[in-house]
């Protein structure tokens, strides 16, 4: 992998992290939406 490829991959990761940080910051201002999922557990014997 060349230096140019490493830099390009690092920029992609940085961009993804910046988008995640923006999403998390935006979600702190929104009302919390809590979704309760029914948990289905079954005992299965092989």
C-alpha atoms as a PDB file:
ATOM      1  CA  UNK A   1       0.000   0.000   0.000  1.00  0.00           C
ATOM      2  CA  UNK A   2       1.466   3.321  -1.013  1.00  0.00           C
ATOM      3  CA  UNK A   3       1.614   6.401   1.148  1.00  0.00           C
ATOM      4  CA  UNK A   4      -1.029   8.045  -1.022  1.00  0.00           C
ATOM      5  CA  UNK A   5      -3.396   5.106  -0.466  1.00  0.00           C
ATOM      6  CA  UNK A   6      -2.776   5.203   3.283  1.00  0.00           C
ATOM      7  CA  UNK A   7      -3.575   8.913   3.373  1.00  0.00           C
ATOM      8  CA  UNK A   8      -6.752   8.391   1.329  1.00  0.00           C
ATOM      9  CA  UNK A   9      -7.906   5.614   3.679  1.00  0.00           C
ATOM     10  CA  UNK A  10      -7.134   7.746   6.730  1.00  0.00           C
ATOM     11  CA  UNK A  11      -9.160  10.638   5.253  1.00  0.00           C
ATOM     12  CA  UNK A  12     -12.113   8.281   4.705  1.00  0.00           C
ATOM     13  CA  UNK A  13     -11.951   7.117   8.336  1.00  0.00           C
ATOM     14  CA  UNK A  14     -11.698  10.707   9.579  1.00  0.00           C
ATOM     15  CA  UNK A  15     -14.728  11.699   7.480  1.00  0.00           C
ATOM     16  CA  UNK A  16     -16.716   8.756   8.881  1.00  0.00           C
ATOM     17  CA  UNK A  17     -15.767   9.698  12.440  1.00  0.00           C
ATOM     18  CA  UNK A  18     -16.732  13.319  11.858  1.00  0.00           C
ATOM     19  CA  UNK A  19     -20.137  12.227  10.536  1.00  0.00           C
ATOM     20  CA  UNK A  20     -20.633  10.011  13.602  1.00  0.00           C
ATOM     21  CA  UNK A  21     -19.667  12.820  15.966  1.00  0.00           C
ATOM     22  CA  UNK A  22     -22.104  15.180  14.217  1.00  0.00           C
ATOM     23  CA  UNK A  23     -24.848  12.544  14.423  1.00  0.00           C
ATOM     24  CA  UNK A  24     -24.211  11.950  18.134  1.00  0.00           C
ATOM     25  CA  UNK A  25     -24.177  15.685  18.869  1.00  0.00           C
ATOM     26  CA  UNK A  26     -27.426  16.184  16.946  1.00  0.00           C
ATOM     27  CA  UNK A  27     -29.085  13.259  18.709  1.00  0.00           C
ATOM     28  CA  UNK A  28     -28.313  14.751  22.137  1.00  0.00           C
ATOM     29  CA  UNK A  29     -30.612  17.664  21.319  1.00  0.00           C
ATOM     30  CA  UNK A  30     -33.464  15.496  20.084  1.00  0.00           C
ATOM     31  CA  UNK A  31     -35.875  13.774  22.412  1.00  0.00           C
ATOM     32  CA  UNK A  32     -34.769  10.295  23.290  1.00  0.00           C
ATOM     33  CA  UNK A  33     -36.748   7.671  21.434  1.00  0.00           C
ATOM     34  CA  UNK A  34     -36.883   4.411  23.314  1.00  0.00           C
ATOM     35  CA  UNK A  35     -38.042   1.359  21.470  1.00  0.00           C
ATOM     36  CA  UNK A  36     -38.858  -1.761  23.418  1.00  0.00           C
ATOM     37  CA  UNK A  37     -38.373  -4.917  21.439  1.00  0.00           C
ATOM     38  CA  UNK A  38     -40.013  -8.097  22.585  1.00  0.00           C
ATOM     39  CA  UNK A  39     -37.337 -10.609  23.357  1.00  0.00           C
ATOM     40  CA  UNK A  40     -38.135 -14.063  22.116  1.00  0.00           C
ATOM     41  CA  UNK A  41     -36.123 -16.747  23.832  1.00  0.00           C
ATOM     42  CA  UNK A  42     -36.693 -20.399  23.259  1.00  0.00           C
ATOM     43  CA  UNK A  43     -34.977 -23.422  24.684  1.00  0.00           C
ATOM     44  CA  UNK A  44     -33.949 -25.656  21.824  1.00  0.00           C
ATOM     45  CA  UNK A  45     -32.312 -28.989  22.272  1.00  0.00           C
ATOM     46  CA  UNK A  46     -30.073 -30.327  19.536  1.00  0.00           C
END
